[in-house]
C-alpha atoms as a PDB file:
ATOM      1  CA  MET A   1      63.492 177.693 -26.637  1.00  0.00           C
ATOM      2  CA  LYS A   2      64.335 175.751 -23.490  1.00  0.00           C
ATOM      3  CA  ILE A   3      62.684 175.828 -20.066  1.00  0.00           C
ATOM      4  CA  LEU A   4      64.183 174.542 -16.828  1.00  0.00           C
ATOM      5  CA  ILE A   5      61.504 172.905 -14.675  1.00  0.00           C
ATOM      6  CA  ILE A   6      62.559 172.866 -11.033  1.00  0.00           C
ATOM      7  CA  ASN A   7      60.791 170.715  -8.449  1.00  0.00           C
ATOM      8  CA  GLY A   8      61.452 171.017  -4.741  1.00  0.00           C
ATOM      9  CA  PRO A   9      61.056 168.851  -1.667  1.00  0.00           C
ATOM     10  CA  ASN A  10      58.715 165.882  -1.555  1.00  0.00           C
ATOM     11  CA  LEU A  11      57.834 166.077  -5.244  1.00  0.00           C
ATOM     12  CA  SER A  12      60.072 163.045  -5.677  1.00  0.00           C
ATOM     13  CA  MET A  13      57.340 161.187  -3.773  1.00  0.00           C
ATOM     14  CA  LEU A  14      54.603 161.844  -6.332  1.00  0.00           C
ATOM     15  CA  GLY A  15      52.583 158.729  -7.035  1.00  0.00           C
ATOM     16  CA  SER A  16      52.849 157.521  -3.461  1.00  0.00           C
ATOM     17  CA  ARG A  17      52.124 160.607  -1.338  1.00  0.00           C
ATOM     18  CA  GLU A  18      48.643 161.987  -0.722  1.00  0.00           C
ATOM     19  CA  LYS A  19      47.194 160.581  -3.940  1.00  0.00           C
ATOM     20  CA  GLU A  20      43.893 162.356  -3.283  1.00  0.00           C
ATOM     21  CA  ILE A  21      45.766 165.682  -3.675  1.00  0.00           C
ATOM     22  CA  TYR A  22      48.651 164.894  -6.026  1.00  0.00           C
ATOM     23  CA  GLY A  23      47.322 161.970  -8.050  1.00  0.00           C
ATOM     24  CA  GLU A  24      48.863 158.633  -8.984  1.00  0.00           C
ATOM     25  CA  GLN A  25      51.476 159.829 -11.469  1.00  0.00           C
ATOM     26  CA  THR A  26      55.127 159.568 -10.425  1.00  0.00           C
ATOM     27  CA  LEU A  27      57.494 162.493 -10.941  1.00  0.00           C
ATOM     28  CA  ALA A  28      59.253 160.592 -13.737  1.00  0.00           C
ATOM     29  CA  ASP A  29      55.936 159.887 -15.475  1.00  0.00           C
ATOM     30  CA  MET A  30      54.807 163.486 -15.042  1.00  0.00           C
ATOM     31  CA  ASN A  31      58.101 164.812 -16.405  1.00  0.00           C
ATOM     32  CA  ALA A  32      57.881 162.513 -19.437  1.00  0.00           C
ATOM     33  CA  ASP A  33      54.319 163.674 -20.123  1.00  0.00           C
ATOM     34  CA  ILE A  34      55.303 167.344 -19.785  1.00  0.00           C
ATOM     35  CA  ALA A  35      58.393 166.873 -21.986  1.00  0.00           C
ATOM     36  CA  GLY A  36      56.363 165.244 -24.756  1.00  0.00           C
ATOM     37  CA  TRP A  37      53.626 167.858 -24.615  1.00  0.00           C
ATOM     38  CA  CYS A  38      56.170 170.689 -24.588  1.00  0.00           C
ATOM     39  CA  ALA A  39      58.054 169.187 -27.541  1.00  0.00           C
ATOM     40  CA  ASP A  40      54.781 169.220 -29.483  1.00  0.00           C
ATOM     41  CA  HIS A  41      54.565 172.950 -28.698  1.00  0.00           C
ATOM     42  CA  GLY A  42      58.134 173.833 -29.685  1.00  0.00           C
ATOM     43  CA  ILE A  43      59.529 173.876 -26.157  1.00  0.00           C
ATOM     44  CA  GLU A  44      62.580 171.924 -25.036  1.00  0.00           C
ATOM     45  CA  THR A  45      62.593 170.997 -21.337  1.00  0.00           C
ATOM     46  CA  GLU A  46      65.168 170.167 -18.705  1.00  0.00           C
ATOM     47  CA  PHE A  47      64.116 168.835 -15.304  1.00  0.00           C
ATOM     48  CA  PHE A  48      65.745 169.309 -11.903  1.00  0.00           C
ATOM     49  CA  GLN A  49      64.503 168.065  -8.530  1.00  0.00           C
ATOM     50  CA  SER A  50      65.999 168.445  -5.079  1.00  0.00           C
ATOM     51  CA  GLU A  51      64.933 168.175  -1.471  1.00  0.00           C
ATOM     52  CA  THR A  52      67.599 170.775  -0.614  1.00  0.00           C
ATOM     53  CA  GLU A  53      67.138 174.550  -0.653  1.00  0.00           C
ATOM     54  CA  GLY A  54      70.745 175.308  -1.600  1.00  0.00           C
ATOM     55  CA  GLU A  55      70.643 172.976  -4.607  1.00  0.00           C
ATOM     56  CA  ILE A  56      67.471 174.666  -5.848  1.00  0.00           C
ATOM     57  CA  ILE A  57      69.150 178.064  -5.518  1.00  0.00           C
ATOM     58  CA  LYS A  58      72.178 176.775  -7.429  1.00  0.00           C
ATOM     59  CA  ALA A  59      69.942 175.473 -10.242  1.00  0.00           C
ATOM     60  CA  ILE A  60      68.262 178.890 -10.458  1.00  0.00           C
ATOM     61  CA  HIS A  61      71.660 180.622 -10.630  1.00  0.00           C
ATOM     62  CA  GLN A  62      72.798 178.200 -13.349  1.00  0.00           C
ATOM     63  CA  VAL A  63      69.653 178.406 -15.495  1.00  0.00           C
ATOM     64  CA  ARG A  64      71.642 179.784 -18.436  1.00  0.00           C
ATOM     65  CA  THR A  65      75.208 178.619 -17.766  1.00  0.00           C
ATOM     66  CA  LYS A  66      74.659 174.952 -16.891  1.00  0.00           C
ATOM     67  CA  TYR A  67      71.193 174.279 -18.300  1.00  0.00           C
ATOM     68  CA  GLY A  68      71.177 176.642 -21.275  1.00  0.00           C
ATOM     69  CA  ALA A  69      67.552 177.487 -20.526  1.00  0.00           C
ATOM     70  CA  ASP A  70      65.616 180.634 -21.405  1.00  0.00           C
ATOM     71  CA  GLY A  71      63.081 180.441 -18.577  1.00  0.00           C
ATOM     72  CA  ILE A  72      62.112 178.712 -15.343  1.00  0.00           C
ATOM     73  CA  VAL A  73      59.010 176.888 -14.148  1.00  0.00           C
ATOM     74  CA  LEU A  74      59.352 176.421 -10.385  1.00  0.00           C
ATOM     75  CA  ASN A  75      57.449 174.254  -7.943  1.00  0.00           C
ATOM     76  CA  ALA A  76      59.381 174.896  -4.761  1.00  0.00           C
ATOM     77  CA  GLY A  77      57.011 172.785  -2.652  1.00  0.00           C
ATOM     78  CA  ALA A  78      56.883 173.924   0.967  1.00  0.00           C
ATOM     79  CA  TYR A  79      59.821 176.293   0.352  1.00  0.00           C
ATOM     80  CA  THR A  80      57.268 178.457  -1.485  1.00  0.00           C
ATOM     81  CA  HIS A  81      55.908 179.628   1.842  1.00  0.00           C
ATOM     82  CA  TYR A  82      59.094 180.506   3.716  1.00  0.00           C
ATOM     83  CA  SER A  83      62.296 180.398   1.641  1.00  0.00           C
ATOM     84  CA  TYR A  84      63.465 183.970   1.407  1.00  0.00           C
ATOM     85  CA  ALA A  85      66.745 182.559   0.061  1.00  0.00           C
ATOM     86  CA  ILE A  86      65.008 181.096  -3.011  1.00  0.00           C
ATOM     87  CA  GLY A  87      63.016 184.322  -3.278  1.00  0.00           C
ATOM     88  CA  ASP A  88      66.282 186.285  -3.328  1.00  0.00           C
ATOM     89  CA  ALA A  89      67.778 183.967  -5.972  1.00  0.00           C
ATOM     90  CA  LEU A  90      64.978 184.468  -8.501  1.00  0.00           C
ATOM     91  CA  PRO A  91      65.696 188.136  -9.379  1.00  0.00           C
ATOM     92  CA  CYS A  92      69.382 187.250  -9.862  1.00  0.00           C
ATOM     93  CA  VAL A  93      68.533 185.668 -13.214  1.00  0.00           C
ATOM     94  CA  LYS A  94      66.929 187.712 -15.955  1.00  0.00           C
ATOM     95  CA  VAL A  95      64.677 185.047 -17.464  1.00  0.00           C
ATOM     96  CA  PRO A  96      60.904 184.583 -17.301  1.00  0.00           C
ATOM     97  CA  LYS A  97      59.860 182.661 -14.198  1.00  0.00           C
ATOM     98  CA  VAL A  98      56.500 181.072 -13.360  1.00  0.00           C
ATOM     99  CA  GLU A  99      55.666 179.558  -9.979  1.00  0.00           C
ATOM    100  CA  VAL A 100      53.561 176.417 -10.268  1.00  0.00           C
ATOM    101  CA  HIS A 101      51.655 174.083  -7.945  1.00  0.00           C
ATOM    102  CA  ILE A 102      49.844 170.832  -8.679  1.00  0.00           C
ATOM    103  CA  SER A 103      47.094 171.474  -6.136  1.00  0.00           C
ATOM    104  CA  ASN A 104      45.060 174.610  -5.555  1.00  0.00           C
ATOM    105  CA  VAL A 105      47.085 175.914  -2.616  1.00  0.00           C
ATOM    106  CA  HIS A 106      44.346 178.444  -1.820  1.00  0.00           C
ATOM    107  CA  ALA A 107      41.881 175.632  -1.089  1.00  0.00           C
ATOM    108  CA  ARG A 108      44.263 174.008   1.391  1.00  0.00           C
ATOM    109  CA  ASP A 109      45.887 174.866   4.735  1.00  0.00           C
ATOM    110  CA  GLU A 110      46.103 178.565   5.565  1.00  0.00           C
ATOM    111  CA  PHE A 111      49.932 178.555   5.583  1.00  0.00           C
ATOM    112  CA  ARG A 112      49.897 177.527   1.907  1.00  0.00           C
ATOM    113  CA  HIS A 113      48.032 180.684   0.880  1.00  0.00           C
ATOM    114  CA  LYS A 114      51.141 182.888   1.092  1.00  0.00           C
ATOM    115  CA  SER A 115      54.059 182.633  -1.317  1.00  0.00           C
ATOM    116  CA  VAL A 116      57.311 184.445  -0.648  1.00  0.00           C
ATOM    117  CA  LEU A 117      58.368 183.629  -4.231  1.00  0.00           C
ATOM    118  CA  ALA A 118      55.416 184.972  -6.237  1.00  0.00           C
ATOM    119  CA  ALA A 119      56.595 188.593  -6.219  1.00  0.00           C
ATOM    120  CA  SER A 120      59.802 187.514  -7.976  1.00  0.00           C
ATOM    121  CA  CYS A 121      57.950 185.530 -10.649  1.00  0.00           C
ATOM    122  CA  ASP A 122      56.058 186.643 -13.732  1.00  0.00           C
ATOM    123  CA  GLY A 123      53.033 184.632 -12.674  1.00  0.00           C
ATOM    124  CA  VAL A 124      51.628 181.789 -10.589  1.00  0.00           C
ATOM    125  CA  ILE A 125      49.595 178.814 -11.822  1.00  0.00           C
ATOM    126  CA  CYS A 126      48.033 176.308  -9.443  1.00  0.00           C
ATOM    127  CA  GLY A 127      45.293 173.744  -9.125  1.00  0.00           C
ATOM    128  CA  PHE A 128      45.373 172.009 -12.514  1.00  0.00           C
ATOM    129  CA  GLY A 129      47.419 168.958 -11.566  1.00  0.00           C
ATOM    130  CA  ALA A 130      50.323 168.201 -13.891  1.00  0.00           C
ATOM    131  CA  ASP A 131      48.661 170.464 -16.463  1.00  0.00           C
ATOM    132  CA  SER A 132      49.728 173.392 -14.255  1.00  0.00           C
ATOM    133  CA  TYR A 133      53.272 172.806 -15.562  1.00  0.00           C
ATOM    134  CA  LYS A 134      52.098 172.798 -19.180  1.00  0.00           C
ATOM    135  CA  LEU A 135      50.229 176.063 -18.666  1.00  0.00           C
ATOM    136  CA  ALA A 136      53.312 177.548 -16.991  1.00  0.00           C
ATOM    137  CA  CYS A 137      55.502 176.477 -19.925  1.00  0.00           C
ATOM    138  CA  LEU A 138      53.085 178.150 -22.333  1.00  0.00           C
ATOM    139  CA  ALA A 139      53.241 181.294 -20.207  1.00  0.00           C
ATOM    140  CA  VAL A 140      57.055 181.345 -20.295  1.00  0.00           C
ATOM    141  CA  LYS A 141      56.971 180.728 -24.064  1.00  0.00           C
ATOM    142  CA  GLY A 142      54.552 183.633 -24.508  1.00  0.00           C
ATOM    143  CA  ILE A 143      56.742 185.986 -22.478  1.00  0.00           C
ATOM    144  CA  LEU A 144      59.808 185.018 -24.524  1.00  0.00           C
ATOM    145  CA  GLU A 145      57.962 185.438 -27.822  1.00  0.00           C
ATOM    146  CA  ARG A 146      56.656 188.888 -26.830  1.00  0.00           C
ATOM    147  CA  LYS A 147      60.171 189.971 -25.828  1.00  0.00           C
ATOM    148  CA  ALA A 148      61.537 188.756 -29.168  1.00  0.00           C
ATOM    149  CA  LYS A 149      59.183 191.049 -31.143  1.00  0.00           C
END
């Protein structure tokens, strides 16, 4: 079982941006931690990050063909709140999808409370730091295992 973890704009700046919200861990460190934890739970991971909406859409479209993944964990960053294009791309692929956020978006600015992607995902997990990704991977794994029965 393989999960594609997609990170959007500004997540490349983890470790140096708003440490009080996002912590001290860099994206590379976070990805390594997630990959190790997932491996211990029988999940293979592939990571993709882009600042560009079109590249994120392309990664979604290629989840199976290029990445060979069975599901998606997506942190689209600010695109979460206004990218109808990413929202339209999600139903194009028939794999489990979980939206994820490091911070509790509902405890932050009002504009962060609305996701235009959530309706096209199987679930949303936020507010648990990097552990949000681990929980999302477990959710995707659970969906895949239930479908396999």
